[in-house]
Amino acid sequence: MKHKTKLLIIGFLILISCSEKSEFLEDCECEKIDLKNGIVVNGKENRYSVVLPDSSWNPEITDIGLSAGTFDDSSFKYFGINEMGKAKPWMSLDEQQKDVERKYDVIESGVSDMLQKKSIWNLVEEKFNTIPIIGLYVTVEHPTDDLFYTVNLAVSKNKYGKKELCELENIIKSFKMN
């Protein structure tokens, strides 16, 4: 009996040591995806890059951003980047947050440091066709150009949830402006 208890405690400690707290989501710990062997994808004109887990994410570069994901019949994991010009006058973080809350069903929100700048993030609930999804959106300002980026992860709620977003958030953290 003592050996089983010791094994149980050791197993629990290993599980805890593998988990990391989400940098965005409240009350969420997970084992984050390792991107060491991922693929680097550069956006239009190489203005930004991101690391995706592998080529099965089928990245597609567009004039306004990037989209990638893994899909099956009724569920998906998605990553996207939208590049946009800043509106004049540019809104403060508080104004940006209020604007997001007017437009979307925000579950959680906060402020994070992305590329040495304060950025708002929002966990929102939406529908894609008929599939309910939750998405993590982070707004990142370009430090010198009049551009900003919305970097987002989304998962279908019928199969996934906050834990899967937590596991994938290293993709958001891999976002770099070149």
C-alpha atoms as a PDB file:
ATOM      1  CA  MET A   1       0.000   0.000   0.000  1.00  0.00           C
ATOM      2  CA  LYS A   2       2.870   2.401   0.816  1.00  0.00           C
ATOM      3  CA  HIS A   3       4.376   1.825  -2.625  1.00  0.00           C
ATOM      4  CA  LYS A   4       1.091   2.583  -4.371  1.00  0.00           C
ATOM      5  CA  THR A   5       0.747   5.808  -2.403  1.00  0.00           C
ATOM      6  CA  LYS A   6       4.315   6.821  -3.261  1.00  0.00           C
ATOM      7  CA  LEU A   7       3.727   6.028  -6.941  1.00  0.00           C
ATOM      8  CA  LEU A   8       0.504   8.014  -6.911  1.00  0.00           C
ATOM      9  CA  ILE A   9       2.248  11.022  -5.328  1.00  0.00           C
ATOM     10  CA  ILE A  10       5.170  10.805  -7.773  1.00  0.00           C
ATOM     11  CA  GLY A  11       2.766  10.549 -10.720  1.00  0.00           C
ATOM     12  CA  PHE A  12       0.815  13.548  -9.481  1.00  0.00           C
ATOM     13  CA  LEU A  13       4.014  15.588  -9.056  1.00  0.00           C
ATOM     14  CA  ILE A  14       5.136  14.689 -12.584  1.00  0.00           C
ATOM     15  CA  LEU A  15       1.747  15.729 -13.936  1.00  0.00           C
ATOM     16  CA  ILE A  16       1.909  19.053 -12.089  1.00  0.00           C
ATOM     17  CA  SER A  17       5.493  19.703 -13.200  1.00  0.00           C
ATOM     18  CA  CYS A  18       4.469  19.205 -16.865  1.00  0.00           C
ATOM     19  CA  SER A  19       1.610  21.678 -16.584  1.00  0.00           C
ATOM     20  CA  GLU A  20       2.028  25.386 -17.175  1.00  0.00           C
ATOM     21  CA  LYS A  21      -0.358  28.149 -16.270  1.00  0.00           C
ATOM     22  CA  SER A  22      -1.989  29.880 -19.197  1.00  0.00           C
ATOM     23  CA  GLU A  23      -0.601  33.336 -19.912  1.00  0.00           C
ATOM     24  CA  PHE A  24      -4.058  34.498 -20.968  1.00  0.00           C
ATOM     25  CA  LEU A  25      -6.851  32.312 -19.608  1.00  0.00           C
ATOM     26  CA  GLU A  26      -8.019  32.348 -16.013  1.00  0.00           C
ATOM     27  CA  ASP A  27      -7.867  29.149 -13.964  1.00  0.00           C
ATOM     28  CA  CYS A  28      -6.290  27.126 -16.750  1.00  0.00           C
ATOM     29  CA  GLU A  29      -3.203  24.914 -16.617  1.00  0.00           C
ATOM     30  CA  CYS A  30      -2.043  22.587 -19.339  1.00  0.00           C
ATOM     31  CA  GLU A  31       0.895  20.985 -21.050  1.00  0.00           C
ATOM     32  CA  LYS A  32       1.718  23.437 -23.835  1.00  0.00           C
ATOM     33  CA  ILE A  33       2.516  22.231 -27.312  1.00  0.00           C
ATOM     34  CA  ASP A  34       6.231  22.128 -28.112  1.00  0.00           C
ATOM     35  CA  LEU A  35       7.015  24.149 -31.230  1.00  0.00           C
ATOM     36  CA  LYS A  36      10.731  23.230 -31.497  1.00  0.00           C
ATOM     37  CA  ASN A  37      10.013  21.068 -34.542  1.00  0.00           C
ATOM     38  CA  GLY A  38       7.268  23.338 -35.879  1.00  0.00           C
ATOM     39  CA  ILE A  39       7.228  25.141 -39.201  1.00  0.00           C
ATOM     40  CA  VAL A  40       7.915  28.878 -39.519  1.00  0.00           C
ATOM     41  CA  VAL A  41       5.374  30.680 -41.678  1.00  0.00           C
ATOM     42  CA  ASN A  42       6.049  34.222 -42.886  1.00  0.00           C
ATOM     43  CA  GLY A  43       3.248  36.618 -43.697  1.00  0.00           C
ATOM     44  CA  LYS A  44       2.904  38.840 -46.736  1.00  0.00           C
ATOM     45  CA  GLU A  45       6.118  40.675 -47.576  1.00  0.00           C
ATOM     46  CA  ASN A  46       7.732  38.942 -44.569  1.00  0.00           C
ATOM     47  CA  ARG A  47       6.359  41.600 -42.168  1.00  0.00           C
ATOM     48  CA  TYR A  48       5.640  38.960 -39.527  1.00  0.00           C
ATOM     49  CA  SER A  49       6.146  35.286 -38.793  1.00  0.00           C
ATOM     50  CA  VAL A  50       4.691  32.583 -36.585  1.00  0.00           C
ATOM     51  CA  VAL A  51       5.573  28.979 -35.731  1.00  0.00           C
ATOM     52  CA  LEU A  52       2.878  26.350 -36.339  1.00  0.00           C
ATOM     53  CA  PRO A  53       3.033  22.807 -34.911  1.00  0.00           C
ATOM     54  CA  ASP A  54       3.472  21.124 -38.325  1.00  0.00           C
ATOM     55  CA  SER A  55       2.397  21.237 -41.969  1.00  0.00           C
ATOM     56  CA  SER A  56      -0.914  19.485 -41.210  1.00  0.00           C
ATOM     57  CA  TRP A  57      -2.152  22.924 -40.125  1.00  0.00           C
ATOM     58  CA  ASN A  58      -2.225  23.846 -43.856  1.00  0.00           C
ATOM     59  CA  PRO A  59      -1.236  27.519 -43.585  1.00  0.00           C
ATOM     60  CA  GLU A  60      -2.622  29.919 -46.154  1.00  0.00           C
ATOM     61  CA  ILE A  61      -1.182  33.405 -46.577  1.00  0.00           C
ATOM     62  CA  THR A  62      -3.562  36.130 -47.778  1.00  0.00           C
ATOM     63  CA  ASP A  63      -3.242  39.840 -48.501  1.00  0.00           C
ATOM     64  CA  ILE A  64      -4.568  40.680 -45.031  1.00  0.00           C
ATOM     65  CA  GLY A  65      -3.111  37.886 -42.932  1.00  0.00           C
ATOM     66  CA  LEU A  66      -2.725  34.206 -42.429  1.00  0.00           C
ATOM     67  CA  SER A  67      -5.045  31.332 -41.576  1.00  0.00           C
ATOM     68  CA  ALA A  68      -4.226  27.767 -40.593  1.00  0.00           C
ATOM     69  CA  GLY A  69      -5.944  24.900 -38.881  1.00  0.00           C
ATOM     70  CA  THR A  70      -6.696  21.260 -38.446  1.00  0.00           C
ATOM     71  CA  PHE A  71     -10.201  20.182 -39.343  1.00  0.00           C
ATOM     72  CA  ASP A  72     -12.256  16.992 -39.263  1.00  0.00           C
ATOM     73  CA  ASP A  73     -15.952  16.408 -39.945  1.00  0.00           C
ATOM     74  CA  SER A  74     -17.351  18.285 -36.953  1.00  0.00           C
ATOM     75  CA  SER A  75     -14.471  19.903 -35.062  1.00  0.00           C
ATOM     76  CA  PHE A  76     -11.434  22.056 -35.618  1.00  0.00           C
ATOM     77  CA  LYS A  77      -8.481  23.939 -34.169  1.00  0.00           C
ATOM     78  CA  TYR A  78      -7.698  27.210 -35.936  1.00  0.00           C
ATOM     79  CA  PHE A  79      -5.037  29.929 -35.868  1.00  0.00           C
ATOM     80  CA  GLY A  80      -5.249  33.239 -37.682  1.00  0.00           C
ATOM     81  CA  ILE A  81      -3.577  36.609 -38.071  1.00  0.00           C
ATOM     82  CA  ASN A  82      -5.259  39.719 -39.481  1.00  0.00           C
ATOM     83  CA  GLU A  83      -3.109  42.719 -40.340  1.00  0.00           C
ATOM     84  CA  MET A  84      -4.865  46.092 -40.404  1.00  0.00           C
ATOM     85  CA  GLY A  85      -4.037  49.783 -40.584  1.00  0.00           C
ATOM     86  CA  LYS A  86      -4.558  51.800 -37.416  1.00  0.00           C
ATOM     87  CA  ALA A  87      -7.540  54.115 -37.343  1.00  0.00           C
ATOM     88  CA  LYS A  88      -6.871  57.749 -36.526  1.00  0.00           C
ATOM     89  CA  PRO A  89      -7.074  58.591 -33.705  1.00  0.00           C
ATOM     90  CA  TRP A  90      -5.874  55.262 -32.300  1.00  0.00           C
ATOM     91  CA  MET A  91      -7.974  54.057 -29.363  1.00  0.00           C
ATOM     92  CA  SER A  92      -6.509  53.516 -25.900  1.00  0.00           C
ATOM     93  CA  LEU A  93      -6.482  49.963 -24.515  1.00  0.00           C
ATOM     94  CA  ASP A  94      -9.610  50.757 -22.455  1.00  0.00           C
ATOM     95  CA  GLU A  95     -11.421  52.087 -25.520  1.00  0.00           C
ATOM     96  CA  GLN A  96     -10.353  49.045 -27.547  1.00  0.00           C
ATOM     97  CA  GLN A  97     -11.664  46.732 -24.812  1.00  0.00           C
ATOM     98  CA  LYS A  98     -15.033  48.509 -24.635  1.00  0.00           C
ATOM     99  CA  ASP A  99     -15.324  48.277 -28.430  1.00  0.00           C
ATOM    100  CA  VAL A 100     -14.654  44.516 -28.349  1.00  0.00           C
ATOM    101  CA  GLU A 101     -17.195  44.014 -25.551  1.00  0.00           C
ATOM    102  CA  ARG A 102     -19.860  45.851 -27.594  1.00  0.00           C
ATOM    103  CA  LYS A 103     -19.289  43.572 -30.581  1.00  0.00           C
ATOM    104  CA  TYR A 104     -18.608  40.129 -29.073  1.00  0.00           C
ATOM    105  CA  ASP A 105     -19.698  37.764 -26.313  1.00  0.00           C
ATOM    106  CA  VAL A 106     -16.612  38.139 -24.100  1.00  0.00           C
ATOM    107  CA  ILE A 107     -16.095  35.365 -21.527  1.00  0.00           C
ATOM    108  CA  GLU A 108     -12.739  36.539 -20.124  1.00  0.00           C
ATOM    109  CA  SER A 109     -10.396  39.418 -20.917  1.00  0.00           C
ATOM    110  CA  GLY A 110      -7.157  40.959 -19.792  1.00  0.00           C
ATOM    111  CA  VAL A 111      -3.943  42.729 -20.705  1.00  0.00           C
ATOM    112  CA  SER A 112      -0.726  40.931 -21.601  1.00  0.00           C
ATOM    113  CA  ASP A 113       2.745  41.885 -22.799  1.00  0.00           C
ATOM    114  CA  MET A 114       3.263  40.994 -26.437  1.00  0.00           C
ATOM    115  CA  LEU A 115       6.482  42.043 -28.108  1.00  0.00           C
ATOM    116  CA  GLN A 116       7.235  44.462 -25.252  1.00  0.00           C
ATOM    117  CA  LYS A 117       3.903  46.285 -25.605  1.00  0.00           C
ATOM    118  CA  LYS A 118       0.686  46.062 -23.637  1.00  0.00           C
ATOM    119  CA  SER A 119      -1.944  44.144 -25.612  1.00  0.00           C
ATOM    120  CA  ILE A 120      -5.557  43.342 -24.840  1.00  0.00           C
ATOM    121  CA  TRP A 121      -6.749  39.753 -25.063  1.00  0.00           C
ATOM    122  CA  ASN A 122     -10.278  38.376 -25.086  1.00  0.00           C
ATOM    123  CA  LEU A 123     -11.780  34.917 -24.836  1.00  0.00           C
ATOM    124  CA  VAL A 124     -15.016  35.030 -26.797  1.00  0.00           C
ATOM    125  CA  GLU A 125     -17.807  32.651 -27.667  1.00  0.00           C
ATOM    126  CA  GLU A 126     -19.032  32.571 -31.271  1.00  0.00           C
ATOM    127  CA  LYS A 127     -20.596  30.340 -33.896  1.00  0.00           C
ATOM    128  CA  PHE A 128     -18.939  29.228 -37.116  1.00  0.00           C
ATOM    129  CA  ASN A 129     -21.745  28.026 -39.356  1.00  0.00           C
ATOM    130  CA  THR A 130     -23.569  25.890 -36.763  1.00  0.00           C
ATOM    131  CA  ILE A 131     -20.528  24.823 -34.717  1.00  0.00           C
ATOM    132  CA  PRO A 132     -20.068  26.732 -31.432  1.00  0.00           C
ATOM    133  CA  ILE A 133     -16.495  27.906 -30.919  1.00  0.00           C
ATOM    134  CA  ILE A 134     -14.400  29.687 -28.341  1.00  0.00           C
ATOM    135  CA  GLY A 135     -11.637  31.935 -29.524  1.00  0.00           C
ATOM    136  CA  LEU A 136      -8.703  33.692 -27.916  1.00  0.00           C
ATOM    137  CA  TYR A 137      -7.974  37.033 -29.608  1.00  0.00           C
ATOM    138  CA  VAL A 138      -4.909  39.180 -28.888  1.00  0.00           C
ATOM    139  CA  THR A 139      -4.474  42.664 -30.374  1.00  0.00           C
ATOM    140  CA  VAL A 140      -0.820  43.554 -31.044  1.00  0.00           C
ATOM    141  CA  GLU A 141       0.353  47.010 -32.147  1.00  0.00           C
ATOM    142  CA  HIS A 142       3.287  47.421 -34.509  1.00  0.00           C
ATOM    143  CA  PRO A 143       5.966  49.409 -32.641  1.00  0.00           C
ATOM    144  CA  THR A 144       6.791  51.805 -35.502  1.00  0.00           C
ATOM    145  CA  ASP A 145       4.313  51.406 -38.376  1.00  0.00           C
ATOM    146  CA  ASP A 146       0.632  52.377 -38.360  1.00  0.00           C
ATOM    147  CA  LEU A 147      -0.370  48.694 -38.293  1.00  0.00           C
ATOM    148  CA  PHE A 148      -1.881  46.364 -35.763  1.00  0.00           C
ATOM    149  CA  TYR A 149      -2.487  42.638 -35.731  1.00  0.00           C
ATOM    150  CA  THR A 150      -5.255  40.492 -34.345  1.00  0.00           C
ATOM    151  CA  VAL A 151      -3.723  37.131 -33.551  1.00  0.00           C
ATOM    152  CA  ASN A 152      -6.243  34.444 -32.658  1.00  0.00           C
ATOM    153  CA  LEU A 153      -6.738  30.815 -31.755  1.00  0.00           C
ATOM    154  CA  ALA A 154     -10.133  29.146 -31.965  1.00  0.00           C
ATOM    155  CA  VAL A 155     -11.423  25.662 -31.203  1.00  0.00           C
ATOM    156  CA  SER A 156     -14.789  24.041 -31.720  1.00  0.00           C
ATOM    157  CA  LYS A 157     -16.596  23.738 -28.387  1.00  0.00           C
ATOM    158  CA  ASN A 158     -18.260  20.467 -29.323  1.00  0.00           C
ATOM    159  CA  LYS A 159     -14.907  18.667 -28.900  1.00  0.00           C
ATOM    160  CA  TYR A 160     -12.435  21.127 -27.379  1.00  0.00           C
ATOM    161  CA  GLY A 161     -12.321  23.936 -24.839  1.00  0.00           C
ATOM    162  CA  LYS A 162     -10.121  26.233 -22.767  1.00  0.00           C
ATOM    163  CA  LYS A 163      -7.586  23.484 -22.074  1.00  0.00           C
ATOM    164  CA  GLU A 164      -6.888  23.045 -25.792  1.00  0.00           C
ATOM    165  CA  LEU A 165      -6.523  26.817 -26.226  1.00  0.00           C
ATOM    166  CA  CYS A 166      -4.056  26.814 -23.347  1.00  0.00           C
ATOM    167  CA  GLU A 167      -2.108  23.968 -24.977  1.00  0.00           C
ATOM    168  CA  LEU A 168      -1.897  25.947 -28.239  1.00  0.00           C
ATOM    169  CA  GLU A 169      -1.166  29.422 -26.891  1.00  0.00           C
ATOM    170  CA  ASN A 170       2.560  29.016 -27.638  1.00  0.00           C
ATOM    171  CA  ILE A 171       1.556  29.617 -31.257  1.00  0.00           C
ATOM    172  CA  ILE A 172       0.395  33.116 -30.284  1.00  0.00           C
ATOM    173  CA  LYS A 173       3.573  33.630 -28.260  1.00  0.00           C
ATOM    174  CA  SER A 174       5.657  32.662 -31.320  1.00  0.00           C
ATOM    175  CA  PHE A 175       4.262  35.640 -33.293  1.00  0.00           C
ATOM    176  CA  LYS A 176       7.070  37.983 -34.337  1.00  0.00           C
ATOM    177  CA  MET A 177       7.151  41.176 -36.376  1.00  0.00           C
ATOM    178  CA  ASN A 178      10.067  41.139 -38.807  1.00  0.00           C
END
